[in-house]
Amino acid sequence: MFSKMLMGACMVACASATTFFKETFDDSWEERWVAGKAGDKSLGKFEHTAGKYFGGEEAGAKGISTSEDAKHYFLSTKFAEPVSNAGTDLVLQYSVKYTETPDCGGAYIKLLGKFETADFDNDTPYTVMFGPDQCGGTKRVHAIFTYKDENKLKTSDVQLSIYDTLTHLFTFHIKRTKPTRSLLITSPRHQDPSRMTGRCSSPRRSTTLR
């Protein structure tokens, strides 16, 4: 069974505190996001909802949720203009809440180069892929870079359970001065966040995203 997922996203360049992209999934979210092509996949539909339970006002708690089991979900949008992390740290951050434990499924964010939203699918080349994944007994948080058409995975792994029906905040910090990347996963119940700092074999530290 796939999870129900509520998600918000933001990407920030640390040095100048510039926010490249922020999404709260308000009532107008469908004007900014485009469903990808199905190809040979069976696509599910996203629902705009606060879920079965939430804190605060319902309108402010809404996000997007997967609505059908055993379906694929492709959704993409573009930055207003191309952005680059050259010369600065880059932080990718978003929140996920599973209201059911999935048998097999992931909740990734991908940063892409030049692409068309209508053509976006599972095979679209990406620069960075980040997020939790579970299939059977395997539970991990992926952080992958693409360099010279090869996927470069982090050299250490994050294995943890986030399927406790709480909202978890995922943070991927790509540092400018050293070839290190930090992952941080937090939840309201756990005051001490799960953290991983590791190295990536890719020598490229900057990229341009569209």
N, C-alpha and C. Protein backbone atom coordinates (compact mmCIF):
# COMPACT_ATOMS: atom_id res chain seq x y z
N MET A 1 0.85 -1.19 0.00
CA MET A 1 0.00 0.00 0.00
C MET A 1 0.89 1.24 0.00
N PHE A 2 0.61 2.16 -0.89
CA PHE A 2 1.37 3.40 -0.91
C PHE A 2 0.88 4.32 0.20
N SER A 3 1.74 5.26 0.56
CA SER A 3 1.41 6.16 1.67
C SER A 3 0.51 7.29 1.22
N LYS A 4 -0.11 7.90 2.20
CA LYS A 4 -0.73 9.20 2.00
C LYS A 4 0.32 10.23 2.37
N MET A 5 0.55 11.20 1.54
CA MET A 5 1.68 12.10 1.75
C MET A 5 1.25 13.55 1.64
N LEU A 6 1.59 14.34 2.64
CA LEU A 6 1.42 15.79 2.59
C LEU A 6 2.80 16.40 2.46
N MET A 7 2.96 17.34 1.54
CA MET A 7 4.31 17.81 1.25
C MET A 7 4.35 19.31 1.04
N GLY A 8 5.38 19.93 1.59
CA GLY A 8 5.68 21.32 1.30
C GLY A 8 7.16 21.39 0.97
N ALA A 9 7.56 22.34 0.15
CA ALA A 9 8.96 22.34 -0.28
C ALA A 9 9.52 23.74 -0.32
N CYS A 10 10.86 23.83 -0.08
CA CYS A 10 11.53 25.09 -0.26
C CYS A 10 13.01 24.84 -0.53
N MET A 11 13.60 25.70 -1.37
CA MET A 11 15.02 25.58 -1.68
C MET A 11 15.67 26.92 -1.43
N VAL A 12 16.75 26.93 -0.62
CA VAL A 12 17.34 28.18 -0.16
C VAL A 12 18.84 28.16 -0.40
N ALA A 13 19.38 29.29 -0.84
CA ALA A 13 20.83 29.48 -0.89
C ALA A 13 21.23 30.16 0.41
N CYS A 14 22.14 29.52 1.18
CA CYS A 14 22.37 29.94 2.56
C CYS A 14 23.11 31.27 2.70
N ALA A 15 24.17 31.45 1.95
CA ALA A 15 25.06 32.59 2.19
C ALA A 15 24.33 33.91 2.12
N SER A 16 23.49 34.09 1.12
CA SER A 16 22.77 35.35 0.97
C SER A 16 21.34 35.25 1.45
N ALA A 17 20.95 34.10 1.99
CA ALA A 17 19.58 33.86 2.46
C ALA A 17 18.55 34.11 1.37
N THR A 18 18.90 33.75 0.16
CA THR A 18 17.98 33.90 -0.97
C THR A 18 17.11 32.65 -1.08
N THR A 19 15.81 32.83 -1.11
CA THR A 19 14.90 31.71 -1.32
C THR A 19 14.64 31.57 -2.81
N PHE A 20 15.13 30.50 -3.40
CA PHE A 20 14.94 30.28 -4.83
C PHE A 20 13.52 29.80 -5.13
N PHE A 21 12.98 29.02 -4.22
CA PHE A 21 11.67 28.43 -4.47
C PHE A 21 11.00 28.08 -3.15
N LYS A 22 9.70 28.37 -3.06
CA LYS A 22 8.93 28.02 -1.87
C LYS A 22 7.52 27.64 -2.30
N GLU A 23 7.02 26.54 -1.74
CA GLU A 23 5.68 26.08 -2.08
C GLU A 23 4.94 25.67 -0.81
N THR A 24 3.79 26.26 -0.57
CA THR A 24 2.97 25.92 0.59
C THR A 24 1.73 25.12 0.20
N PHE A 25 1.53 24.91 -1.09
CA PHE A 25 0.37 24.18 -1.61
C PHE A 25 -0.94 24.77 -1.10
N ASP A 26 -1.15 26.03 -1.45
CA ASP A 26 -2.41 26.68 -1.12
C ASP A 26 -3.46 26.32 -2.17
N ASP A 27 -4.59 27.04 -2.17
CA ASP A 27 -5.70 26.69 -3.06
C ASP A 27 -5.35 26.85 -4.54
N SER A 28 -4.31 27.60 -4.86
CA SER A 28 -3.96 27.83 -6.26
C SER A 28 -2.80 26.95 -6.73
N TRP A 29 -2.48 25.90 -6.01
CA TRP A 29 -1.28 25.11 -6.32
C TRP A 29 -1.34 24.50 -7.72
N GLU A 30 -2.51 24.14 -8.21
CA GLU A 30 -2.63 23.50 -9.52
C GLU A 30 -2.28 24.45 -10.67
N GLU A 31 -2.27 25.75 -10.40
CA GLU A 31 -1.86 26.70 -11.42
C GLU A 31 -0.35 26.68 -11.64
N ARG A 32 0.39 26.13 -10.68
CA ARG A 32 1.85 26.13 -10.74
C ARG A 32 2.45 24.76 -11.05
N TRP A 33 1.71 23.70 -10.82
CA TRP A 33 2.25 22.35 -10.97
C TRP A 33 1.56 21.61 -12.11
N VAL A 34 2.33 20.75 -12.80
CA VAL A 34 1.83 20.02 -13.96
C VAL A 34 2.05 18.52 -13.73
N ALA A 35 1.01 17.73 -13.97
CA ALA A 35 1.14 16.28 -13.87
C ALA A 35 1.99 15.77 -15.02
N GLY A 36 2.87 14.82 -14.74
CA GLY A 36 3.75 14.28 -15.77
C GLY A 36 3.01 13.33 -16.69
N LYS A 37 3.74 12.84 -17.70
CA LYS A 37 3.12 11.92 -18.65
C LYS A 37 3.07 10.51 -18.06
N ALA A 38 2.05 9.77 -18.44
CA ALA A 38 1.85 8.45 -17.87
C ALA A 38 2.76 7.40 -18.50
N GLY A 39 2.94 7.47 -19.82
CA GLY A 39 3.71 6.43 -20.49
C GLY A 39 3.08 5.07 -20.22
N ASP A 40 3.89 4.12 -19.75
CA ASP A 40 3.36 2.79 -19.43
C ASP A 40 2.97 2.67 -17.96
N LYS A 41 2.94 3.82 -17.24
CA LYS A 41 2.59 3.82 -15.83
C LYS A 41 1.12 4.17 -15.64
N SER A 42 0.56 3.71 -14.55
CA SER A 42 -0.80 4.08 -14.16
C SER A 42 -0.69 5.19 -13.11
N LEU A 43 -1.11 6.40 -13.49
CA LEU A 43 -0.93 7.55 -12.61
C LEU A 43 -2.12 7.75 -11.68
N GLY A 44 -1.82 8.13 -10.43
CA GLY A 44 -2.85 8.50 -9.48
C GLY A 44 -3.03 10.00 -9.44
N LYS A 45 -4.03 10.45 -8.74
CA LYS A 45 -4.33 11.89 -8.64
C LYS A 45 -4.01 12.39 -7.24
N PHE A 46 -3.49 13.61 -7.19
CA PHE A 46 -3.25 14.26 -5.91
C PHE A 46 -4.52 14.93 -5.41
N GLU A 47 -4.72 14.91 -4.09
CA GLU A 47 -5.82 15.62 -3.46
C GLU A 47 -5.26 16.78 -2.64
N HIS A 48 -6.00 17.88 -2.61
CA HIS A 48 -5.62 19.03 -1.79
C HIS A 48 -6.36 18.92 -0.46
N THR A 49 -5.67 18.57 0.59
CA THR A 49 -6.33 18.25 1.85
C THR A 49 -5.38 18.45 3.02
N ALA A 50 -5.94 18.61 4.19
CA ALA A 50 -5.14 18.65 5.42
C ALA A 50 -4.96 17.27 6.01
N GLY A 51 -5.60 16.28 5.41
CA GLY A 51 -5.48 14.92 5.89
C GLY A 51 -6.48 14.59 6.97
N LYS A 52 -6.34 13.40 7.53
CA LYS A 52 -7.28 12.93 8.54
C LYS A 52 -7.13 13.69 9.85
N TYR A 53 -5.96 14.23 10.10
CA TYR A 53 -5.71 14.97 11.35
C TYR A 53 -4.66 16.03 11.04
N PHE A 54 -4.71 17.12 11.81
CA PHE A 54 -3.81 18.24 11.55
C PHE A 54 -3.82 19.16 12.76
N GLY A 55 -2.85 20.08 12.81
CA GLY A 55 -2.79 21.07 13.86
C GLY A 55 -3.15 22.44 13.33
N GLY A 56 -3.74 23.30 14.15
CA GLY A 56 -4.09 24.65 13.74
C GLY A 56 -5.31 24.67 12.83
N GLU A 57 -5.42 25.76 12.04
CA GLU A 57 -6.55 25.92 11.14
C GLU A 57 -6.40 24.98 9.94
N GLU A 58 -7.51 24.41 9.49
CA GLU A 58 -7.47 23.45 8.40
C GLU A 58 -6.92 24.07 7.11
N ALA A 59 -7.32 25.29 6.80
CA ALA A 59 -6.88 25.93 5.56
C ALA A 59 -5.36 26.05 5.50
N GLY A 60 -4.75 26.38 6.64
CA GLY A 60 -3.30 26.53 6.67
C GLY A 60 -2.55 25.23 6.75
N ALA A 61 -3.25 24.15 7.08
CA ALA A 61 -2.61 22.84 7.23
C ALA A 61 -2.66 22.01 5.96
N LYS A 62 -3.31 22.51 4.93
CA LYS A 62 -3.48 21.73 3.71
C LYS A 62 -2.19 21.56 2.93
N GLY A 63 -2.07 20.40 2.32
CA GLY A 63 -0.98 20.11 1.41
C GLY A 63 -1.54 19.25 0.30
N ILE A 64 -0.68 18.54 -0.42
CA ILE A 64 -1.18 17.61 -1.43
C ILE A 64 -0.96 16.19 -0.93
N SER A 65 -1.93 15.33 -1.22
CA SER A 65 -1.90 13.96 -0.72
C SER A 65 -2.14 12.99 -1.86
N THR A 66 -1.38 11.89 -1.87
CA THR A 66 -1.68 10.82 -2.81
C THR A 66 -3.02 10.21 -2.42
N SER A 67 -3.79 9.79 -3.41
CA SER A 67 -5.17 9.38 -3.14
C SER A 67 -5.46 7.92 -3.47
N GLU A 68 -4.57 7.27 -4.23
CA GLU A 68 -4.83 5.89 -4.65
C GLU A 68 -3.61 5.02 -4.41
N ASP A 69 -3.86 3.79 -4.03
CA ASP A 69 -2.77 2.84 -3.82
C ASP A 69 -2.27 2.29 -5.15
N ALA A 70 -1.02 1.81 -5.14
CA ALA A 70 -0.43 1.13 -6.29
C ALA A 70 -0.48 1.98 -7.54
N LYS A 71 -0.24 3.27 -7.39
CA LYS A 71 -0.20 4.20 -8.52
C LYS A 71 1.13 4.95 -8.51
N HIS A 72 1.48 5.52 -9.67
CA HIS A 72 2.65 6.38 -9.77
C HIS A 72 2.19 7.83 -9.74
N TYR A 73 3.04 8.71 -9.21
CA TYR A 73 2.70 10.13 -9.10
C TYR A 73 3.88 10.96 -9.60
N PHE A 74 3.67 11.68 -10.71
CA PHE A 74 4.69 12.56 -11.27
C PHE A 74 4.13 13.97 -11.29
N LEU A 75 4.82 14.89 -10.66
CA LEU A 75 4.36 16.28 -10.59
C LEU A 75 5.58 17.18 -10.66
N SER A 76 5.52 18.21 -11.50
CA SER A 76 6.70 19.07 -11.64
C SER A 76 6.28 20.52 -11.86
N THR A 77 7.23 21.41 -11.59
CA THR A 77 7.07 22.83 -11.85
C THR A 77 8.44 23.40 -12.18
N LYS A 78 8.48 24.64 -12.66
CA LYS A 78 9.74 25.27 -13.01
C LYS A 78 9.98 26.49 -12.14
N PHE A 79 11.25 26.82 -11.93
CA PHE A 79 11.60 28.07 -11.29
C PHE A 79 11.25 29.22 -12.23
N ALA A 80 11.04 30.39 -11.65
CA ALA A 80 10.73 31.56 -12.48
C ALA A 80 11.88 31.86 -13.44
N GLU A 81 13.10 31.58 -13.02
CA GLU A 81 14.28 31.73 -13.86
C GLU A 81 15.34 30.74 -13.40
N PRO A 82 16.29 30.36 -14.26
CA PRO A 82 17.33 29.41 -13.84
C PRO A 82 18.09 29.91 -12.62
N VAL A 83 18.44 29.00 -11.73
CA VAL A 83 19.19 29.36 -10.53
C VAL A 83 20.45 28.50 -10.46
N SER A 84 21.46 29.02 -9.79
CA SER A 84 22.72 28.31 -9.62
C SER A 84 23.18 28.42 -8.17
N ASN A 85 23.79 27.36 -7.66
CA ASN A 85 24.32 27.39 -6.30
C ASN A 85 25.83 27.67 -6.30
N ALA A 86 26.38 28.14 -7.42
CA ALA A 86 27.81 28.42 -7.49
C ALA A 86 28.19 29.46 -6.44
N GLY A 87 29.20 29.15 -5.61
CA GLY A 87 29.70 30.09 -4.62
C GLY A 87 28.91 30.18 -3.34
N THR A 88 27.92 29.30 -3.13
CA THR A 88 27.12 29.38 -1.91
C THR A 88 26.62 28.00 -1.52
N ASP A 89 26.28 27.83 -0.24
CA ASP A 89 25.63 26.60 0.19
C ASP A 89 24.23 26.54 -0.42
N LEU A 90 23.70 25.33 -0.48
CA LEU A 90 22.35 25.14 -0.99
C LEU A 90 21.60 24.22 -0.03
N VAL A 91 20.38 24.60 0.33
CA VAL A 91 19.56 23.80 1.24
C VAL A 91 18.26 23.43 0.54
N LEU A 92 17.99 22.15 0.50
CA LEU A 92 16.73 21.63 -0.02
C LEU A 92 15.95 21.06 1.15
N GLN A 93 14.69 21.49 1.31
CA GLN A 93 13.94 21.13 2.52
C GLN A 93 12.47 20.93 2.18
N TYR A 94 11.88 19.89 2.74
CA TYR A 94 10.44 19.68 2.56
C TYR A 94 9.90 18.79 3.67
N SER A 95 8.59 18.78 3.84
CA SER A 95 7.97 17.99 4.90
C SER A 95 7.07 16.92 4.31
N VAL A 96 7.00 15.78 5.00
CA VAL A 96 6.20 14.64 4.57
C VAL A 96 5.50 14.06 5.79
N LYS A 97 4.23 13.69 5.61
CA LYS A 97 3.49 12.99 6.67
C LYS A 97 2.83 11.75 6.07
N TYR A 98 3.20 10.59 6.57
CA TYR A 98 2.55 9.35 6.17
C TYR A 98 1.43 9.06 7.16
N THR A 99 0.22 8.92 6.65
CA THR A 99 -0.88 8.55 7.53
C THR A 99 -1.12 7.04 7.54
N GLU A 100 -0.43 6.34 6.64
CA GLU A 100 -0.44 4.89 6.62
C GLU A 100 0.97 4.42 6.28
N THR A 101 1.34 3.25 6.75
CA THR A 101 2.67 2.72 6.45
C THR A 101 2.67 2.07 5.07
N PRO A 102 3.55 2.49 4.17
CA PRO A 102 3.56 1.93 2.81
C PRO A 102 4.27 0.59 2.77
N ASP A 103 3.81 -0.28 1.87
CA ASP A 103 4.53 -1.52 1.61
C ASP A 103 5.74 -1.26 0.72
N CYS A 104 5.55 -0.39 -0.27
CA CYS A 104 6.64 -0.08 -1.18
C CYS A 104 6.35 1.28 -1.82
N GLY A 105 7.25 2.22 -1.63
CA GLY A 105 7.04 3.54 -2.22
C GLY A 105 8.05 4.54 -1.72
N GLY A 106 8.19 5.63 -2.46
CA GLY A 106 9.13 6.69 -2.10
C GLY A 106 8.46 8.04 -2.17
N ALA A 107 9.10 9.04 -1.60
CA ALA A 107 8.58 10.41 -1.60
C ALA A 107 9.74 11.35 -1.93
N TYR A 108 10.20 11.30 -3.18
CA TYR A 108 11.39 12.02 -3.58
C TYR A 108 11.09 13.42 -4.09
N ILE A 109 12.05 14.30 -3.92
CA ILE A 109 12.13 15.55 -4.65
C ILE A 109 13.32 15.46 -5.59
N LYS A 110 13.12 15.88 -6.83
CA LYS A 110 14.21 15.90 -7.80
C LYS A 110 14.44 17.33 -8.30
N LEU A 111 15.69 17.72 -8.40
CA LEU A 111 16.05 18.99 -9.03
C LEU A 111 16.54 18.69 -10.43
N LEU A 112 15.97 19.39 -11.40
CA LEU A 112 16.23 19.08 -12.81
C LEU A 112 16.94 20.22 -13.51
N GLY A 113 17.56 19.89 -14.62
CA GLY A 113 18.09 20.91 -15.52
C GLY A 113 16.99 21.34 -16.47
N LYS A 114 17.30 21.51 -17.71
CA LYS A 114 16.31 21.93 -18.70
C LYS A 114 15.37 20.77 -19.02
N PHE A 115 14.07 21.02 -18.93
CA PHE A 115 13.08 19.98 -19.21
C PHE A 115 11.73 20.63 -19.48
N GLU A 116 10.78 19.83 -19.96
CA GLU A 116 9.41 20.29 -20.17
C GLU A 116 8.50 19.58 -19.17
N THR A 117 7.68 20.34 -18.47
CA THR A 117 6.84 19.77 -17.42
C THR A 117 5.90 18.68 -17.94
N ALA A 118 5.36 18.87 -19.14
CA ALA A 118 4.41 17.89 -19.68
C ALA A 118 5.07 16.56 -19.99
N ASP A 119 6.40 16.57 -20.15
CA ASP A 119 7.13 15.34 -20.49
C ASP A 119 7.77 14.68 -19.27
N PHE A 120 7.61 15.28 -18.11
CA PHE A 120 8.28 14.77 -16.91
C PHE A 120 7.74 13.39 -16.53
N ASP A 121 8.67 12.44 -16.31
CA ASP A 121 8.29 11.12 -15.83
C ASP A 121 9.45 10.54 -15.04
N ASN A 122 9.36 9.26 -14.72
CA ASN A 122 10.36 8.62 -13.87
C ASN A 122 11.75 8.58 -14.51
N ASP A 123 11.81 8.68 -15.84
CA ASP A 123 13.08 8.58 -16.55
C ASP A 123 13.70 9.92 -16.90
N THR A 124 13.06 11.03 -16.54
CA THR A 124 13.60 12.35 -16.83
C THR A 124 14.93 12.54 -16.08
N PRO A 125 16.00 12.91 -16.77
CA PRO A 125 17.29 13.10 -16.08
C PRO A 125 17.19 14.17 -14.99
N TYR A 126 17.90 13.96 -13.90
CA TYR A 126 17.87 14.89 -12.78
C TYR A 126 19.29 15.22 -12.34
N THR A 127 19.42 16.32 -11.59
CA THR A 127 20.71 16.70 -11.02
C THR A 127 20.84 16.20 -9.59
N VAL A 128 19.76 16.33 -8.81
CA VAL A 128 19.74 15.86 -7.42
C VAL A 128 18.43 15.12 -7.17
N MET A 129 18.50 14.00 -6.47
CA MET A 129 17.30 13.32 -6.00
C MET A 129 17.45 13.10 -4.50
N PHE A 130 16.40 13.42 -3.76
CA PHE A 130 16.48 13.40 -2.30
C PHE A 130 15.14 12.99 -1.72
N GLY A 131 15.16 12.07 -0.74
CA GLY A 131 13.93 11.73 -0.06
C GLY A 131 13.88 10.29 0.43
N PRO A 132 12.85 9.98 1.23
CA PRO A 132 12.73 8.65 1.84
C PRO A 132 12.21 7.60 0.86
N ASP A 133 12.59 6.36 1.12
CA ASP A 133 12.19 5.25 0.26
C ASP A 133 12.04 4.00 1.13
N GLN A 134 10.99 3.25 0.86
CA GLN A 134 10.80 1.98 1.55
C GLN A 134 10.26 0.96 0.57
N CYS A 135 10.82 -0.24 0.62
CA CYS A 135 10.26 -1.37 -0.12
C CYS A 135 10.60 -2.63 0.68
N GLY A 136 9.59 -3.27 1.20
CA GLY A 136 9.82 -4.41 2.07
C GLY A 136 10.49 -3.97 3.35
N GLY A 137 11.57 -4.64 3.72
CA GLY A 137 12.27 -4.29 4.95
C GLY A 137 13.32 -3.22 4.78
N THR A 138 13.51 -2.72 3.55
CA THR A 138 14.51 -1.69 3.29
C THR A 138 13.91 -0.31 3.50
N LYS A 139 14.50 0.46 4.42
CA LYS A 139 14.04 1.82 4.69
C LYS A 139 15.26 2.73 4.70
N ARG A 140 15.28 3.72 3.81
CA ARG A 140 16.44 4.60 3.75
C ARG A 140 16.04 5.95 3.21
N VAL A 141 16.96 6.91 3.36
CA VAL A 141 16.79 8.23 2.78
C VAL A 141 17.84 8.38 1.68
N HIS A 142 17.37 8.57 0.46
CA HIS A 142 18.28 8.72 -0.67
C HIS A 142 18.79 10.15 -0.79
N ALA A 143 20.03 10.29 -1.22
CA ALA A 143 20.59 11.57 -1.63
C ALA A 143 21.54 11.27 -2.78
N ILE A 144 21.13 11.59 -3.99
CA ILE A 144 21.85 11.17 -5.19
C ILE A 144 22.14 12.39 -6.07
N PHE A 145 23.36 12.49 -6.57
CA PHE A 145 23.74 13.49 -7.55
C PHE A 145 23.96 12.80 -8.90
N THR A 146 23.70 13.53 -9.97
CA THR A 146 24.06 13.04 -11.30
C THR A 146 25.25 13.84 -11.80
N TYR A 147 26.31 13.12 -12.17
CA TYR A 147 27.53 13.75 -12.68
C TYR A 147 28.02 12.97 -13.88
N LYS A 148 28.13 13.63 -15.00
CA LYS A 148 28.56 13.00 -16.26
C LYS A 148 27.73 11.76 -16.55
N ASP A 149 26.40 11.93 -16.42
CA ASP A 149 25.42 10.89 -16.72
C ASP A 149 25.49 9.68 -15.80
N GLU A 150 26.17 9.81 -14.67
CA GLU A 150 26.22 8.72 -13.70
C GLU A 150 25.63 9.17 -12.37
N ASN A 151 24.89 8.28 -11.72
CA ASN A 151 24.33 8.57 -10.41
C ASN A 151 25.40 8.38 -9.33
N LYS A 152 25.62 9.41 -8.53
CA LYS A 152 26.60 9.37 -7.46
C LYS A 152 25.86 9.38 -6.12
N LEU A 153 25.88 8.24 -5.43
CA LEU A 153 25.18 8.11 -4.16
C LEU A 153 26.11 8.50 -3.01
N LYS A 154 25.50 8.91 -1.90
CA LYS A 154 26.29 9.18 -0.70
C LYS A 154 26.95 7.89 -0.23
N THR A 155 28.08 8.03 0.44
CA THR A 155 28.87 6.86 0.81
C THR A 155 28.42 6.22 2.12
N SER A 156 27.58 6.89 2.87
CA SER A 156 26.98 6.29 4.07
C SER A 156 25.47 6.34 3.92
N ASP A 157 24.77 5.61 4.77
CA ASP A 157 23.34 5.46 4.58
C ASP A 157 22.57 5.94 5.80
N VAL A 158 21.35 6.39 5.58
CA VAL A 158 20.44 6.76 6.65
C VAL A 158 19.31 5.75 6.65
N GLN A 159 19.22 4.96 7.68
CA GLN A 159 18.16 3.98 7.81
C GLN A 159 17.37 4.28 9.07
N LEU A 160 16.10 4.61 8.89
CA LEU A 160 15.27 4.96 10.03
C LEU A 160 13.82 4.79 9.65
N SER A 161 12.97 4.74 10.67
CA SER A 161 11.54 4.64 10.43
C SER A 161 10.89 5.99 10.64
N ILE A 162 10.18 6.47 9.63
CA ILE A 162 9.45 7.74 9.75
C ILE A 162 7.95 7.51 9.65
N TYR A 163 7.54 6.24 9.68
CA TYR A 163 6.14 5.93 9.44
C TYR A 163 5.38 5.88 10.75
N ASP A 164 5.33 7.03 11.42
CA ASP A 164 4.68 7.11 12.72
C ASP A 164 3.50 8.08 12.70
N THR A 165 3.01 8.43 11.52
CA THR A 165 1.87 9.33 11.27
C THR A 165 2.14 10.77 11.66
N LEU A 166 3.40 11.12 11.99
CA LEU A 166 3.75 12.50 12.30
C LEU A 166 4.38 13.17 11.09
N THR A 167 4.40 14.49 11.09
CA THR A 167 5.06 15.23 10.02
C THR A 167 6.57 15.25 10.27
N HIS A 168 7.34 14.91 9.25
CA HIS A 168 8.80 14.92 9.34
C HIS A 168 9.36 15.93 8.35
N LEU A 169 10.34 16.69 8.80
CA LEU A 169 10.99 17.69 7.96
C LEU A 169 12.33 17.13 7.47
N PHE A 170 12.50 17.05 6.16
CA PHE A 170 13.72 16.54 5.55
C PHE A 170 14.54 17.72 5.04
N THR A 171 15.82 17.74 5.41
CA THR A 171 16.71 18.83 5.01
C THR A 171 17.97 18.24 4.40
N PHE A 172 18.33 18.73 3.23
CA PHE A 172 19.55 18.31 2.55
C PHE A 172 20.42 19.56 2.36
N HIS A 173 21.55 19.61 3.04
CA HIS A 173 22.44 20.77 3.03
C HIS A 173 23.67 20.44 2.18
N ILE A 174 23.80 21.10 1.05
CA ILE A 174 24.93 20.92 0.15
C ILE A 174 25.91 22.06 0.40
N LYS A 175 27.08 21.75 0.93
CA LYS A 175 28.00 22.79 1.38
C LYS A 175 28.92 23.27 0.25
N ARG A 176 29.25 24.55 0.32
CA ARG A 176 30.06 25.18 -0.73
C ARG A 176 31.54 24.89 -0.56
N THR A 177 32.07 24.97 0.65
CA THR A 177 33.51 24.97 0.85
C THR A 177 34.12 23.58 0.94
N LYS A 178 33.31 22.56 1.24
CA LYS A 178 33.83 21.20 1.37
C LYS A 178 32.92 20.26 0.59
N PRO A 179 33.48 19.16 0.09
CA PRO A 179 32.66 18.20 -0.65
C PRO A 179 31.83 17.32 0.28
N THR A 180 31.10 17.95 1.20
CA THR A 180 30.25 17.20 2.12
C THR A 180 28.81 17.65 1.98
N ARG A 181 27.90 16.74 2.27
CA ARG A 181 26.48 17.03 2.22
C ARG A 181 25.86 16.50 3.51
N SER A 182 25.01 17.28 4.16
CA SER A 182 24.40 16.87 5.42
C SER A 182 22.91 16.63 5.22
N LEU A 183 22.42 15.54 5.83
CA LEU A 183 20.99 15.25 5.84
C LEU A 183 20.48 15.40 7.27
N LEU A 184 19.30 15.98 7.40
CA LEU A 184 18.70 16.19 8.71
C LEU A 184 17.23 15.84 8.62
N ILE A 185 16.76 14.95 9.49
CA ILE A 185 15.35 14.55 9.50
C ILE A 185 14.81 14.79 10.89
N THR A 186 13.76 15.57 11.01
CA THR A 186 13.19 15.90 12.31
C THR A 186 11.69 15.65 12.32
N SER A 187 11.14 15.51 13.52
CA SER A 187 9.71 15.40 13.70
C SER A 187 9.33 16.11 14.98
N PRO A 188 8.06 16.50 15.15
CA PRO A 188 7.65 17.19 16.37
C PRO A 188 7.89 16.37 17.63
N ARG A 189 7.81 15.06 17.54
CA ARG A 189 7.94 14.23 18.73
C ARG A 189 9.39 14.01 19.13
N HIS A 190 10.29 13.99 18.14
CA HIS A 190 11.68 13.73 18.42
C HIS A 190 12.45 15.05 18.46
N GLN A 191 12.86 15.47 19.63
CA GLN A 191 13.57 16.73 19.77
C GLN A 191 14.98 16.65 19.21
N ASP A 192 15.61 15.47 19.29
CA ASP A 192 16.94 15.30 18.73
C ASP A 192 16.80 14.74 17.32
N PRO A 193 17.19 15.52 16.32
CA PRO A 193 16.99 15.07 14.94
C PRO A 193 17.95 13.96 14.56
N SER A 194 17.53 13.14 13.60
CA SER A 194 18.42 12.17 13.00
C SER A 194 19.28 12.91 11.98
N ARG A 195 20.58 12.67 12.01
CA ARG A 195 21.48 13.45 11.17
C ARG A 195 22.51 12.52 10.53
N MET A 196 22.87 12.86 9.30
CA MET A 196 23.94 12.14 8.63
C MET A 196 24.77 13.15 7.85
N THR A 197 26.08 13.11 8.04
CA THR A 197 26.99 13.91 7.24
C THR A 197 27.92 12.96 6.51
N GLY A 198 27.97 13.08 5.20
CA GLY A 198 28.78 12.15 4.42
C GLY A 198 29.40 12.82 3.23
N ARG A 199 30.07 12.03 2.44
CA ARG A 199 30.74 12.55 1.26
C ARG A 199 30.14 11.93 0.00
N CYS A 200 30.25 12.69 -1.05
CA CYS A 200 29.79 12.23 -2.35
C CYS A 200 31.00 12.17 -3.27
N SER A 201 31.05 11.16 -4.13
CA SER A 201 32.22 10.99 -4.99
C SER A 201 32.24 11.94 -6.18
N SER A 202 31.16 12.69 -6.37
CA SER A 202 31.12 13.65 -7.47
C SER A 202 31.96 14.87 -7.14
N PRO A 203 32.87 15.29 -8.04
CA PRO A 203 33.68 16.47 -7.76
C PRO A 203 32.96 17.78 -8.01
N ARG A 204 31.83 17.74 -8.69
CA ARG A 204 31.14 18.97 -9.00
C ARG A 204 30.29 19.42 -7.83
N ARG A 205 30.45 20.66 -7.41
CA ARG A 205 29.72 21.17 -6.25
C ARG A 205 28.67 22.19 -6.62
N SER A 206 28.61 22.60 -7.85
CA SER A 206 27.63 23.60 -8.26
C SER A 206 26.88 23.11 -9.48
N THR A 207 25.67 23.61 -9.64
CA THR A 207 24.85 23.24 -10.77
C THR A 207 23.86 24.33 -11.07
N THR A 208 23.32 24.34 -12.26
CA THR A 208 22.30 25.29 -12.65
C THR A 208 20.99 24.52 -12.82
N LEU A 209 19.93 25.03 -12.20
CA LEU A 209 18.63 24.37 -12.21
C LEU A 209 17.62 25.26 -12.90
N ARG A 210 16.61 24.63 -13.50
CA ARG A 210 15.60 25.39 -14.26
C ARG A 210 14.20 25.01 -13.81
